Protein backbone atom coordinates (compact mmCIF):
# COMPACT_ATOMS: atom_id res chain seq x y z
CA MET A 1 211.34 60.07 -26.65
CA LEU A 2 210.65 59.71 -22.94
CA ALA A 3 207.49 61.80 -23.31
CA ALA A 4 206.23 59.48 -26.05
CA LEU A 5 206.81 56.43 -23.88
CA LEU A 6 205.01 58.00 -20.93
CA ALA A 7 202.07 59.01 -23.11
CA ALA A 8 201.74 55.44 -24.39
CA ALA A 9 201.59 53.92 -20.90
CA PRO A 10 198.36 52.10 -20.06
CA ALA A 11 195.88 53.43 -17.52
CA SER A 12 196.89 52.59 -13.97
CA ALA A 13 195.58 52.97 -10.45
CA SER A 14 197.79 56.03 -9.93
CA GLU A 15 196.42 57.73 -13.02
CA PRO A 16 193.85 60.51 -12.58
CA PRO A 17 190.27 59.19 -12.68
CA GLN A 18 189.32 61.32 -15.69
CA ARG A 19 192.04 59.66 -17.78
CA ARG A 20 190.93 56.19 -16.65
CA ARG A 21 187.32 57.02 -17.56
CA ALA A 22 188.40 58.35 -20.97
CA ALA A 23 190.33 55.11 -21.63
CA GLU A 24 187.29 53.06 -20.58
CA ILE A 25 184.96 55.01 -22.87
CA THR A 26 187.32 54.52 -25.80
CA GLN A 27 187.28 50.75 -25.22
CA VAL A 28 183.49 50.76 -24.66
CA VAL A 29 182.89 52.49 -28.00
CA ARG A 30 185.15 49.99 -29.78
CA ALA A 31 183.37 47.00 -28.24
CA ALA A 32 179.92 48.48 -28.91
CA THR A 33 180.84 49.27 -32.52
CA ASP A 34 181.69 45.62 -33.07
CA ALA A 35 178.45 44.48 -31.40
CA LEU A 36 176.17 46.99 -33.15
CA GLY A 37 177.66 46.55 -36.60
CA MET A 38 176.52 49.26 -39.03
CA ARG A 39 174.21 50.98 -36.52
CA PRO A 40 175.64 54.38 -35.56
CA ILE A 41 176.20 54.99 -31.84
CA THR A 42 173.97 57.75 -30.50
CA LEU A 43 174.53 57.47 -26.73
CA VAL A 44 177.08 56.10 -24.27
CA GLU A 45 175.72 56.03 -20.72
CA TYR A 46 177.65 55.27 -17.54
CA VAL A 47 175.40 52.96 -15.49
CA GLU A 48 177.65 51.98 -12.57
CA PRO A 49 181.33 51.21 -12.04
CA GLY A 50 182.39 48.84 -14.80
CA LEU A 51 179.11 48.97 -16.74
CA TYR A 52 178.00 51.14 -19.67
CA ARG A 53 174.82 51.21 -21.79
CA VAL A 54 175.35 52.06 -25.46
CA ARG A 55 172.53 52.91 -27.85
CA GLY A 56 172.62 52.94 -31.60
CA GLY A 57 170.17 52.49 -34.46
CA GLY A 58 167.26 51.47 -32.23
CA CYS A 59 169.36 48.92 -30.35
CA THR A 60 170.94 48.89 -26.89
CA VAL A 61 173.99 46.92 -25.82
CA MET A 62 175.47 46.65 -22.34
CA VAL A 63 179.26 46.83 -22.19
CA GLN A 64 181.16 45.56 -19.17
CA ILE A 65 184.70 46.55 -18.16
CA ARG A 66 186.75 43.53 -17.16
CA VAL A 67 189.93 44.23 -15.22
CA GLY A 68 193.07 42.21 -15.82
CA SER A 69 192.80 41.67 -19.54
CA THR A 70 194.64 38.65 -20.89
CA ARG A 71 194.55 39.83 -24.51
CA PRO A 72 197.93 39.54 -26.20
CA GLY A 73 199.42 42.72 -27.60
CA ARG A 74 200.42 43.13 -31.23
CA PRO A 75 204.14 43.58 -31.88
CA GLY A 76 204.94 47.28 -32.28
CA ALA A 77 201.46 48.39 -31.09
CA MET A 78 200.75 50.64 -28.13
CA PRO A 79 200.41 48.81 -24.81
CA LEU A 80 196.96 47.47 -24.03
CA PRO A 81 195.09 48.94 -21.06
CA PRO A 82 194.92 46.72 -17.94
CA PHE A 83 191.24 46.13 -18.71
CA GLU A 84 189.01 45.31 -21.64
CA ALA A 85 185.46 46.21 -22.59
CA VAL A 86 183.19 43.29 -23.44
CA ALA A 87 179.87 43.92 -25.17
CA GLY A 88 176.82 41.79 -24.59
CA THR A 89 174.22 40.89 -27.18
CA PRO A 90 172.39 43.90 -28.65
CA ASP A 91 168.72 44.27 -27.69
CA CYS A 92 166.87 45.61 -30.74
CA GLY A 93 163.35 44.99 -29.47
């Protein structure tokens, strides 16, 4: 049981950077999927700390990582990471 609780812990500053990056990419893909709708994602590109470029279906959307998320958690759900990914408006031009 303890192992399950530790595995469900959100990313933190003491966590290895590869795990933090993996958590960010997961959130980036979720935010980009919402922004791009039915367009399939073909590329996720790290631009700079806290900024990703996601391409899909001829469109590009920038996704920003915002630290200190204030999103409420759902009862019984896994803890939310201490950040959230926020997608901009897709550029399909």
